[in-house]
Each structure stands twice: as C-alpha cells, then as structure tokens.
Amino acid sequence: MPATDAASYIADFASFIEASPSSYHAAAEVARRLEEAGFTRLEESESWEDAVPRGFVVRDGAVIAWAQPNGVTPTTPFRILGAHTDSPGFKLKPSPTTTNAGWLQAGVEVYGGPLLNSWLDRELELAGRLVTADGSEHLVRTGPFLRIPQLAIHLGRDANDGLKLDRQRHVQPVFGVEGASTADVVAHLASLAGVEREDVVGYDVVTADTQAPRRFGADEALFAAGRMDNLSSVFAGLMALLDAAAPRGGGRRASARRLGHTSVLAAFDHEELGSETRSGASGPFLADVLTRLSGGTDAERLQAYSGSWCVSADAGHAVHPNYQEKHDPTNRPVAGGGPLLKINANQRYATDAHGAALWARLCQAAGVPVQEFVSNNTVPCGSTIGPLTATRLGIRTVDVGIPLLSMHSARELCHVDDATGLARAVAAFFAGA
C-alpha cells in the first residue's frame, strides 16, 4: 500500500499542491503522473473500441482514470474514488485591469465560499488557462503577482472588534502602480503563456496563495498548505490508483487487474460552486466514462452499478480548540485520529450503515484508525459530491475525508498521519478489501 512512509508521502503531496494552483493545473499534474506510470490518455472525441486497461480522460479541469481487471465484462463492478480539483478563492473578471488612486488592480470575482480575511496580505498568483482564437488552450501561472491589502489599524480602529469585508470593494488585489511596464493583466498572462495578447479570446484564471506547503509544530506532525480541500483527496486517490496499477513480483501486472472490479479515480471540477457543470459531479462526465468502459447493454451496466461502490472523499472538520461549541458534543474528531467517516441525517453526506461498515473494514485492513464526524445541530453542514453521484448513478456511496482546521482558508491545516491514513484506506478500497 502507499504512504507507509509519512515523510515521503507528505513531501510528494506538497509537490503536488505546488504544481496545482488551479483545477486545470491539478488535472494536468494528475495526467502527467498517470502517463509517467504508463496509463494511456484517451480523447472523448475518439473511438474507445480498443481496450485500454489503464487509461484516463481529461475534461477541462476534471480527470477520470481507471485500472481494469483481467477478463473485464460489461457487468464488472466499479470501485470509484470521487474527489474534486477546485478550491475556493477568486476568479479573474473580464476587462480585469483597473487603476485606482495610482494603484494597478486586478478585478476579481469571489469563487465559491472562501474565508475572505485569510486572503488578505498574502502574495498571490494568477493561474488557469487561456484560450486563443484557434481554440487551443494554454496553461499559465504568474508566480507571486498580487496582494489584497488590509486597511491599517490606524485607519480602521474597530477592525479587531469585527472585520467586515465588502465582497466588491475590499477584495480587489493590487499588482503595481501607474506607469509600470506590466500594466495589463491579460497581456502579462499572454506573455507568460507565449501567445499574443490579441489572440486571447477567453480565460479561466483564479488566484492561489504562493506560500510553500510545509510541516511544522511538535514532531513536525502538522502540515499547512493551500487547497487541501480537496487536493488531499485527489492526491490520495491518485497514489492509491498508481499503487493498484503498479507491477508486482514476477513481472505480473497490476494487482487491481487481477481483481473483480475496475478501480476508478474521478476528480471533478466545480464542487465549490455546486457541481452543476459539464465537468462537475452533477454533470454527465462520470456516467459518460463508465458507459464507454462497460460497453454492453443498459441492463448489464445497471447490473455492474448494483455491485459498485463510490468513496466520496472530501475534507472535513477537526474540533477547533478555540471554538469547541461549534462542534457536536459527543463526536469529537481530532487531528491525528484518522480519516473521518462523514454522517448526516439529511443526506448532505451519502453515508449509510452499509457505507459505515465498508469504511470500517477498509480502515481495519489498512491499519488506520477511523473517527466519525457529524455536525452540531445548530451548525448546518456543507455537502459533497457523494449524494450527487449516488443520485445520478444509483451507486452505493460513503463520504469520508481528512480532518482540517481553517477549511476554506487560503492556507489550511491537517495532521500528516491523517493524510497518509486516507491514502492507505483508499488503497485498501482499490485492493478489494
């Protein structure tokens, strides 16, 4: 199983985060690692008639990859790890360059539900994709380029008594002063991408914190980074799938290929917006891929779905020591206590009793502790791709994830053992435990 060495796992996870400032970069980094491991990239516009036992397909900022068993049939079930590549923050608006009081500013729109104050006074970058007139895409990132400056305490004496940020006026970042050589945001992005400014006809560009991920604290057991919601799950699923498809002794191929199920990593985009896009979990992407992989009749595919499982992996909450009243008084997940089994009576999470039994079995097989998360009744919980996937496909689903502090902050916090524990449990899932 992967992640037996926490130090190497976390170091590689940090590299993955740094390579993934946007959902498009995350999908590209997943694709790069898959191709390096021998997976075949397929295009949706092409025929999939020739069997590809280890393959993947990218749709915008989402990627779905699979490892099939020997003797796969239309009724072979799936084991799916669902996650998402996007994170809350800000997205670049059209005509983004403005000048105010001598400052050059970039116009941005709030993306998802970020913890706004956490983005203040940080060196940020712009990252995403440019689309040129010929329809080609170009990934781009600026490195440190922007900063959302906070008002000095001398000019806002009540800031420490309750900071309130206007989502339009107070979160527009500065990137220079009038007269600077780089005075057009889109021109700067085009230059970095190696294309002409006038050829850029569209873009999907977001902000990302540029501070490097790092371990810290007693025994360096804590890990801080941006975008762990939900790159922690994408990376765990990727590592587990690569482990399932790795050569074994005697030259035999993947362990997953000797099993009775197809292992699938489904990393969707736009979960932070509600998933209702062509590359989100409410869209047709997963159903499209599973249909093409299964072949056969509708009835045979439904038979495959009836024996399938989806583990919906998304970050959850550890008990915050300074706000303990916000958490359930009995179920108290702590950092280092293992991945979370996420439960909600109103099915904001898809976990049921069978899902709880599966997760307990997986964690036992992986030697990983497990803890349950349920919300305080006065603090409504968010949701995940789990209920969406269960509703669309009828596949039994369980919701899990690692416990975080500061979720939706520009920089989140986890325990290294929880990150590695999730990867080990997902590896057990793909291994058929």
Protein backbone atom coordinates (compact mmCIF):
# COMPACT_ATOMS: atom_id res chain seq x y z
CA MET A 1 0.00 0.00 0.00
CA PRO A 2 1.17 3.60 -0.50
CA ALA A 3 2.05 6.12 2.14
CA THR A 4 3.77 3.77 4.59
CA ASP A 5 6.45 6.47 4.85
CA ALA A 6 4.71 9.63 6.03
CA ALA A 7 7.71 11.85 5.31
CA SER A 8 7.98 10.90 1.65
CA TYR A 9 4.21 10.95 1.16
CA ILE A 10 3.84 14.44 2.60
CA ALA A 11 6.82 15.73 0.62
CA ASP A 12 5.28 14.39 -2.58
CA PHE A 13 1.87 15.78 -1.58
CA ALA A 14 3.48 19.20 -1.11
CA SER A 15 4.95 18.96 -4.61
CA PHE A 16 1.53 18.02 -5.98
CA ILE A 17 -0.08 21.05 -4.32
CA GLU A 18 2.61 23.38 -5.65
CA ALA A 19 2.05 22.02 -9.17
CA SER A 20 -1.72 22.55 -8.87
CA PRO A 21 -2.61 26.23 -8.34
CA SER A 22 -5.82 25.82 -10.38
CA SER A 23 -8.15 22.95 -11.23
CA TYR A 24 -6.68 22.91 -14.76
CA HIS A 25 -3.17 22.57 -13.39
CA ALA A 26 -4.32 19.85 -10.98
CA ALA A 27 -5.86 17.85 -13.83
CA ALA A 28 -2.69 18.33 -15.88
CA GLU A 29 -0.50 17.17 -12.98
CA VAL A 30 -2.65 14.08 -12.44
CA ALA A 31 -2.40 13.37 -16.18
CA ARG A 32 1.37 13.84 -16.16
CA ARG A 33 1.84 11.37 -13.32
CA LEU A 34 -0.53 8.85 -14.89
CA GLU A 35 1.27 8.99 -18.23
CA GLU A 36 4.59 8.62 -16.45
CA ALA A 37 3.22 5.43 -14.84
CA GLY A 38 2.15 4.01 -18.20
CA PHE A 39 -1.52 5.00 -18.33
CA THR A 40 -2.92 5.83 -21.78
CA ARG A 41 -4.62 9.16 -22.38
CA LEU A 42 -7.86 8.91 -24.37
CA GLU A 43 -9.80 11.70 -26.04
CA GLU A 44 -13.58 11.84 -25.78
CA SER A 45 -13.81 12.73 -29.47
CA GLU A 46 -12.20 9.44 -30.48
CA SER A 47 -13.41 5.84 -30.54
CA TRP A 48 -12.66 3.71 -27.47
CA GLU A 49 -13.24 0.40 -29.21
CA ASP A 50 -9.73 -0.85 -28.46
CA ALA A 51 -9.47 -1.94 -24.83
CA VAL A 52 -7.30 0.30 -22.64
CA PRO A 53 -6.99 -1.44 -19.26
CA ARG A 54 -5.13 1.50 -17.71
CA GLY A 55 -6.29 4.83 -19.06
CA PHE A 56 -7.62 8.28 -18.32
CA VAL A 57 -9.50 11.15 -19.88
CA VAL A 58 -9.37 14.88 -19.07
CA ARG A 59 -12.39 17.16 -19.39
CA ASP A 60 -11.44 20.79 -18.66
CA GLY A 61 -10.31 20.83 -15.01
CA ALA A 62 -11.51 17.31 -14.26
CA VAL A 63 -9.90 13.93 -14.85
CA ILE A 64 -11.14 10.34 -14.63
CA ALA A 65 -8.67 7.44 -14.62
CA TRP A 66 -9.13 3.68 -14.33
CA ALA A 67 -7.40 0.34 -13.94
CA GLN A 68 -9.40 -2.65 -15.19
CA PRO A 69 -9.08 -6.29 -14.12
CA ASN A 70 -8.23 -9.15 -16.42
CA GLY A 71 -11.33 -10.60 -18.03
CA VAL A 72 -13.41 -7.45 -17.57
CA THR A 73 -17.02 -7.77 -18.77
CA PRO A 74 -19.95 -5.35 -19.06
CA THR A 75 -21.15 -6.48 -15.63
CA THR A 76 -17.80 -5.96 -13.86
CA PRO A 77 -18.47 -3.56 -10.96
CA PHE A 78 -16.58 -0.35 -10.25
CA ARG A 79 -14.80 0.95 -7.18
CA ILE A 80 -14.75 4.73 -7.54
CA LEU A 81 -12.84 7.30 -5.51
CA GLY A 82 -14.61 10.64 -6.04
CA ALA A 83 -12.93 13.97 -5.26
CA HIS A 84 -12.69 17.49 -6.68
CA THR A 85 -9.88 19.63 -8.08
CA ASP A 86 -11.17 23.15 -7.38
CA SER A 87 -10.84 25.25 -4.22
CA PRO A 88 -12.45 28.50 -3.01
CA GLY A 89 -10.78 31.78 -3.86
CA PHE A 90 -11.17 34.44 -6.52
CA LYS A 91 -11.59 34.34 -10.29
CA LEU A 92 -10.37 36.94 -12.76
CA LYS A 93 -13.16 39.07 -14.25
CA PRO A 94 -13.45 40.25 -17.86
CA SER A 95 -11.57 43.52 -18.54
CA PRO A 96 -9.74 42.95 -15.26
CA THR A 97 -7.16 45.76 -15.25
CA THR A 98 -8.21 48.90 -13.37
CA THR A 99 -6.45 51.94 -11.95
CA ASN A 100 -7.46 53.47 -8.61
CA ALA A 101 -5.63 56.14 -6.63
CA GLY A 102 -2.47 55.42 -8.62
CA TRP A 103 -2.61 51.66 -7.97
CA LEU A 104 -2.97 49.00 -10.64
CA GLN A 105 -5.60 46.48 -9.59
CA ALA A 106 -6.98 43.23 -10.96
CA GLY A 107 -10.74 42.83 -10.95
CA VAL A 108 -11.73 39.53 -9.36
CA GLU A 109 -14.98 37.77 -8.50
CA VAL A 110 -15.43 35.60 -5.43
CA TYR A 111 -15.24 31.90 -6.36
CA GLY A 112 -17.11 29.56 -4.03
CA GLY A 113 -17.06 30.26 -0.30
CA PRO A 114 -13.56 31.37 0.72
CA LEU A 115 -12.71 32.58 4.21
CA LEU A 116 -12.17 36.11 2.88
CA ASN A 117 -9.99 37.53 5.62
CA SER A 118 -7.46 34.69 5.17
CA TRP A 119 -6.61 36.02 1.70
CA LEU A 120 -5.51 39.44 2.96
CA ASP A 121 -1.85 40.47 2.92
CA ARG A 122 -0.61 37.37 1.08
CA GLU A 123 1.43 37.21 -2.09
CA LEU A 124 -0.94 35.60 -4.58
CA GLU A 125 -0.57 34.30 -8.09
CA LEU A 126 -2.93 34.02 -11.03
CA ALA A 127 -3.25 30.56 -12.56
CA GLY A 128 -5.50 28.82 -15.03
CA ARG A 129 -6.00 28.53 -18.77
CA LEU A 130 -6.07 30.93 -21.71
CA VAL A 131 -7.97 30.06 -24.87
CA THR A 132 -6.79 31.60 -28.14
CA ALA A 133 -8.75 32.33 -31.30
CA ASP A 134 -7.84 28.97 -32.82
CA GLY A 135 -9.47 27.18 -29.86
CA SER A 136 -6.22 25.97 -28.29
CA GLU A 137 -5.70 26.02 -24.51
CA HIS A 138 -2.60 27.33 -22.74
CA LEU A 139 -1.94 26.73 -19.06
CA VAL A 140 -0.45 29.76 -17.32
CA ARG A 141 0.64 30.85 -13.86
CA THR A 142 2.29 34.08 -12.78
CA GLY A 143 4.07 33.24 -9.56
CA PRO A 144 3.78 35.94 -6.85
CA PHE A 145 1.98 38.85 -8.54
CA LEU A 146 -0.96 40.13 -6.47
CA ARG A 147 -1.82 41.18 -2.94
CA ILE A 148 -5.12 42.12 -1.28
CA PRO A 149 -4.01 44.83 1.18
CA GLN A 150 -5.74 45.18 4.50
CA LEU A 151 -6.61 48.59 5.92
CA ALA A 152 -4.08 49.75 8.52
CA ILE A 153 -5.32 49.63 12.12
CA HIS A 154 -4.77 53.40 12.35
CA LEU A 155 -7.46 53.91 9.70
CA GLY A 156 -9.85 51.26 10.97
CA ARG A 157 -9.68 51.27 14.75
CA ASP A 158 -12.56 48.82 15.11
CA ALA A 159 -11.04 46.13 12.85
CA ASN A 160 -10.19 43.86 15.77
CA ASP A 161 -13.75 44.14 17.06
CA GLY A 162 -15.31 42.63 13.95
CA LEU A 163 -13.76 42.81 10.50
CA LYS A 164 -16.39 43.02 7.76
CA LEU A 165 -15.23 42.84 4.15
CA ASP A 166 -17.33 44.08 1.25
CA ARG A 167 -17.06 41.39 -1.44
CA GLN A 168 -16.72 44.02 -4.17
CA ARG A 169 -14.79 46.93 -2.65
CA HIS A 170 -12.40 45.29 -0.21
CA VAL A 171 -11.03 42.22 -2.02
CA GLN A 172 -9.64 43.68 -5.26
CA PRO A 173 -5.88 42.98 -5.28
CA VAL A 174 -3.11 45.39 -6.25
CA PHE A 175 -0.29 44.38 -8.58
CA GLY A 176 1.59 47.61 -9.29
CA VAL A 177 1.38 51.36 -9.76
CA GLU A 178 0.56 53.55 -12.73
CA GLY A 179 3.35 53.65 -15.27
CA ALA A 180 4.57 50.11 -14.61
CA SER A 181 5.84 48.16 -17.61
CA THR A 182 3.33 45.39 -16.80
CA ALA A 183 0.08 47.34 -16.77
CA ASP A 184 -2.32 44.87 -18.40
CA VAL A 185 -3.15 41.66 -16.54
CA VAL A 186 -4.24 39.69 -19.60
CA ALA A 187 -1.21 40.87 -21.62
CA HIS A 188 1.04 39.66 -18.80
CA LEU A 189 -0.68 36.26 -18.78
CA ALA A 190 -0.42 36.02 -22.55
CA SER A 191 3.28 36.82 -22.45
CA LEU A 192 3.89 34.11 -19.87
CA ALA A 193 1.92 31.63 -21.97
CA GLY A 194 3.88 32.53 -25.11
CA VAL A 195 0.90 33.86 -27.07
CA GLU A 196 -0.09 37.27 -28.38
CA ARG A 197 -2.44 39.40 -26.29
CA GLU A 198 -4.81 39.95 -29.21
CA ASP A 199 -5.11 36.19 -29.72
CA VAL A 200 -6.53 35.60 -26.24
CA VAL A 201 -10.30 35.39 -26.59
CA GLY A 202 -11.20 33.68 -23.30
CA TYR A 203 -9.72 32.67 -19.99
CA ASP A 204 -10.50 30.83 -16.75
CA VAL A 205 -7.99 32.18 -14.25
CA VAL A 206 -8.10 32.03 -10.44
CA THR A 207 -5.96 33.22 -7.56
CA ALA A 208 -3.74 30.94 -5.47
CA ASP A 209 -1.58 31.51 -2.42
CA THR A 210 2.11 31.23 -3.25
CA GLN A 211 3.44 30.34 0.20
CA ALA A 212 5.02 26.89 0.02
CA PRO A 213 3.42 23.99 1.92
CA ARG A 214 5.34 22.95 4.99
CA ARG A 215 5.44 20.72 8.03
CA PHE A 216 5.76 22.38 11.43
CA GLY A 217 4.96 22.08 15.12
CA ALA A 218 5.81 19.44 17.72
CA ASP A 219 7.42 16.46 15.95
CA GLU A 220 6.58 18.27 12.67
CA ALA A 221 3.28 16.42 12.81
CA LEU A 222 1.27 19.33 11.41
CA PHE A 223 1.06 20.29 7.74
CA ALA A 224 -0.11 23.61 6.33
CA ALA A 225 -0.90 24.36 2.70
CA GLY A 226 -3.43 25.92 0.41
CA ARG A 227 -6.09 23.91 -1.43
CA MET A 228 -6.02 20.80 0.78
CA ASP A 229 -9.80 20.95 0.32
CA ASN A 230 -9.75 18.95 -1.81
CA LEU A 231 -6.33 18.16 -3.28
CA SER A 232 -5.78 15.94 -0.23
CA SER A 233 -8.36 13.52 -1.62
CA VAL A 234 -7.29 13.85 -5.26
CA PHE A 235 -3.71 13.01 -4.31
CA ALA A 236 -4.71 10.11 -2.04
CA GLY A 237 -6.83 8.65 -4.83
CA LEU A 238 -4.08 9.12 -7.40
CA MET A 239 -1.47 7.44 -5.20
CA ALA A 240 -3.81 4.56 -4.44
CA LEU A 241 -4.65 4.05 -8.12
CA LEU A 242 -0.98 4.10 -9.11
CA ASP A 243 -0.29 1.57 -6.39
CA ALA A 244 -3.14 -0.63 -7.63
CA ALA A 245 -1.72 -0.49 -11.15
CA ALA A 246 1.94 -0.96 -10.20
CA PRO A 247 3.85 -4.06 -11.43
CA ARG A 248 4.13 -6.85 -8.87
CA GLY A 249 6.77 -9.52 -8.44
CA GLY A 250 7.45 -11.95 -11.26
CA GLY A 251 6.57 -9.39 -13.89
CA ARG A 252 2.85 -9.68 -13.24
CA ARG A 253 0.85 -6.56 -13.87
CA ALA A 254 -1.38 -4.55 -11.59
CA SER A 255 -2.96 -6.12 -8.53
CA ALA A 256 -6.19 -4.31 -9.47
CA ARG A 257 -6.16 -6.09 -12.84
CA ARG A 258 -6.34 -9.43 -11.01
CA LEU A 259 -9.42 -8.35 -9.08
CA GLY A 260 -13.08 -8.47 -9.88
CA HIS A 261 -13.65 -4.73 -10.19
CA THR A 262 -12.46 -1.71 -12.13
CA SER A 263 -10.71 0.89 -9.94
CA VAL A 264 -11.62 4.48 -10.85
CA LEU A 265 -10.33 7.89 -9.77
CA ALA A 266 -12.95 10.56 -10.55
CA ALA A 267 -11.59 14.05 -9.82
CA PHE A 268 -14.33 16.53 -10.71
CA ASP A 269 -14.21 20.31 -11.07
CA HIS A 270 -16.59 22.99 -9.71
CA GLU A 271 -17.62 21.25 -6.49
CA GLU A 272 -17.20 24.56 -4.65
CA LEU A 273 -19.87 26.06 -6.95
CA GLY A 274 -22.40 23.23 -6.63
CA SER A 275 -21.04 20.83 -9.28
CA GLU A 276 -23.64 21.71 -11.92
CA THR A 277 -21.28 21.91 -14.91
CA ARG A 278 -20.14 19.54 -17.64
CA SER A 279 -17.04 18.68 -15.62
CA GLY A 280 -18.76 18.69 -12.23
CA ALA A 281 -20.22 15.74 -10.35
CA SER A 282 -23.77 16.72 -11.29
CA GLY A 283 -22.80 16.64 -14.96
CA PRO A 284 -22.52 13.60 -17.23
CA PHE A 285 -18.74 13.09 -17.08
CA LEU A 286 -18.58 10.03 -14.84
CA ALA A 287 -21.61 8.38 -16.43
CA ASP A 288 -20.13 9.04 -19.87
CA VAL A 289 -16.84 7.36 -18.97
CA LEU A 290 -18.39 4.39 -17.16
CA THR A 291 -20.75 3.78 -20.08
CA ARG A 292 -17.87 3.68 -22.54
CA LEU A 293 -15.80 1.45 -20.26
CA SER A 294 -18.64 -1.00 -19.64
CA GLY A 295 -19.96 -1.45 -23.16
CA GLY A 296 -22.77 -3.97 -23.32
CA THR A 297 -26.43 -3.22 -22.74
CA ASP A 298 -28.07 -0.77 -20.36
CA ALA A 299 -29.22 -3.71 -18.26
CA GLU A 300 -25.68 -5.08 -17.97
CA ARG A 301 -24.36 -1.67 -16.96
CA LEU A 302 -27.03 -1.35 -14.28
CA GLN A 303 -26.02 -4.79 -13.04
CA ALA A 304 -22.43 -3.52 -12.79
CA TYR A 305 -23.60 -0.45 -10.88
CA SER A 306 -25.53 -2.60 -8.40
CA GLY A 307 -22.28 -4.21 -7.27
CA SER A 308 -20.26 -0.99 -7.33
CA TRP A 309 -19.08 1.39 -4.62
CA CYS A 310 -18.12 5.08 -4.57
CA VAL A 311 -15.96 6.51 -1.79
CA SER A 312 -16.61 10.25 -1.89
CA ALA A 313 -13.52 11.78 -0.32
CA ASP A 314 -13.62 15.43 0.73
CA ALA A 315 -12.06 17.28 3.62
CA GLY A 316 -13.94 17.56 6.94
CA HIS A 317 -13.58 19.41 10.21
CA ALA A 318 -11.42 18.62 13.21
CA VAL A 319 -12.65 20.05 16.51
CA HIS A 320 -11.35 23.61 16.75
CA PRO A 321 -9.85 24.14 20.22
CA ASN A 322 -10.91 27.81 20.30
CA TYR A 323 -14.48 27.23 19.08
CA GLN A 324 -15.44 23.91 20.62
CA GLU A 325 -19.09 24.94 20.93
CA LYS A 326 -19.39 24.81 17.12
CA HIS A 327 -18.92 21.04 17.13
CA ASP A 328 -21.05 18.08 18.18
CA PRO A 329 -20.59 17.50 21.94
CA THR A 330 -20.12 13.73 21.57
CA ASN A 331 -18.45 13.07 18.21
CA ARG A 332 -15.17 14.96 18.52
CA PRO A 333 -12.72 14.21 15.68
CA VAL A 334 -9.17 15.27 16.39
CA ALA A 335 -6.12 15.82 14.22
CA GLY A 336 -4.11 12.61 14.05
CA GLY A 337 -7.10 10.47 14.99
CA GLY A 338 -7.55 9.09 11.49
CA PRO A 339 -9.69 9.89 8.45
CA LEU A 340 -13.30 10.88 9.00
CA LEU A 341 -16.45 8.92 8.28
CA LYS A 342 -18.88 11.76 7.47
CA ILE A 343 -22.51 11.28 8.52
CA ASN A 344 -25.58 13.49 8.13
CA ALA A 345 -29.20 12.57 8.85
CA ASN A 346 -30.42 14.78 5.98
CA GLN A 347 -28.13 13.06 3.46
CA ARG A 348 -25.89 16.03 2.90
CA TYR A 349 -23.38 13.19 3.10
CA ALA A 350 -24.28 9.88 1.43
CA THR A 351 -23.04 7.58 4.22
CA ASP A 352 -25.44 4.89 5.42
CA ALA A 353 -24.97 1.82 7.62
CA HIS A 354 -23.54 -0.26 4.77
CA GLY A 355 -21.12 2.53 3.91
CA ALA A 356 -20.03 2.76 7.54
CA ALA A 357 -19.37 -1.00 7.55
CA LEU A 358 -17.32 -0.76 4.34
CA TRP A 359 -15.22 2.11 5.68
CA ALA A 360 -14.58 0.29 8.97
CA ARG A 361 -13.43 -2.77 7.01
CA LEU A 362 -11.14 -0.71 4.76
CA CYS A 363 -9.51 1.14 7.65
CA GLN A 364 -9.01 -2.09 9.58
CA ALA A 365 -7.37 -3.71 6.55
CA ALA A 366 -5.11 -0.68 6.14
CA GLY A 367 -4.24 -0.45 9.85
CA VAL A 368 -5.72 3.05 10.01
CA PRO A 369 -7.80 4.46 12.88
CA VAL A 370 -11.15 5.96 11.98
CA GLN A 371 -13.33 8.60 13.60
CA GLU A 372 -16.85 9.80 12.89
CA PHE A 373 -17.93 13.32 12.04
CA VAL A 374 -21.44 14.67 12.48
CA SER A 375 -22.41 18.35 12.68
CA ASN A 376 -23.70 20.23 15.68
CA ASN A 377 -27.45 20.57 15.11
CA THR A 378 -27.18 24.37 15.18
CA VAL A 379 -24.40 24.46 12.55
CA PRO A 380 -25.65 23.11 9.21
CA CYS A 381 -23.02 21.12 7.34
CA GLY A 382 -21.94 21.52 3.75
CA SER A 383 -22.25 18.77 1.19
CA THR A 384 -20.04 16.80 -1.17
CA ILE A 385 -20.12 15.02 -4.50
CA GLY A 386 -21.30 11.88 -2.66
CA PRO A 387 -25.07 12.48 -2.73
CA LEU A 388 -24.79 13.77 -6.32
CA THR A 389 -23.05 10.63 -7.57
CA ALA A 390 -25.43 8.35 -5.64
CA THR A 391 -28.42 10.19 -7.10
CA ARG A 392 -27.18 10.21 -10.68
CA LEU A 393 -25.95 6.62 -10.89
CA GLY A 394 -27.59 4.72 -8.02
CA ILE A 395 -24.16 3.51 -6.86
CA ARG A 396 -23.88 2.98 -3.10
CA THR A 397 -21.71 5.78 -1.71
CA VAL A 398 -19.89 6.60 1.52
CA ASP A 399 -18.49 10.04 2.46
CA VAL A 400 -15.07 10.32 4.07
CA GLY A 401 -12.12 12.75 4.27
CA ILE A 402 -9.29 14.08 6.38
CA PRO A 403 -9.98 16.44 9.30
CA LEU A 404 -8.81 20.04 8.77
CA LEU A 405 -8.63 23.27 10.69
CA SER A 406 -9.26 26.52 8.77
CA MET A 407 -11.20 24.89 5.93
CA HIS A 408 -11.70 27.31 3.00
CA SER A 409 -8.86 29.47 4.27
CA ALA A 410 -6.13 30.44 1.84
CA ARG A 411 -3.99 28.10 3.95
CA GLU A 412 -5.44 25.04 5.70
CA LEU A 413 -4.06 22.72 8.39
CA CYS A 414 -4.01 18.94 8.81
CA HIS A 415 -2.09 16.20 10.63
CA VAL A 416 0.35 14.22 8.46
CA ASP A 417 -0.94 10.87 9.77
CA ASP A 418 -4.47 11.63 8.61
CA ALA A 419 -3.28 12.43 5.08
CA THR A 420 -1.31 9.18 4.82
CA GLY A 421 -4.10 7.24 6.53
CA LEU A 422 -6.60 8.31 3.88
CA ALA A 423 -4.29 7.12 1.10
CA ARG A 424 -3.82 3.75 2.80
CA ALA A 425 -7.56 3.28 3.29
CA VAL A 426 -8.25 4.17 -0.37
CA ALA A 427 -5.52 1.72 -1.41
CA ALA A 428 -7.36 -0.98 0.56
CA PHE A 429 -10.56 0.03 -1.25
CA PHE A 430 -8.95 -0.42 -4.66
CA ALA A 431 -7.32 -3.65 -3.49
CA GLY A 432 -10.76 -5.13 -2.82
CA ALA A 433 -10.80 -5.22 0.98
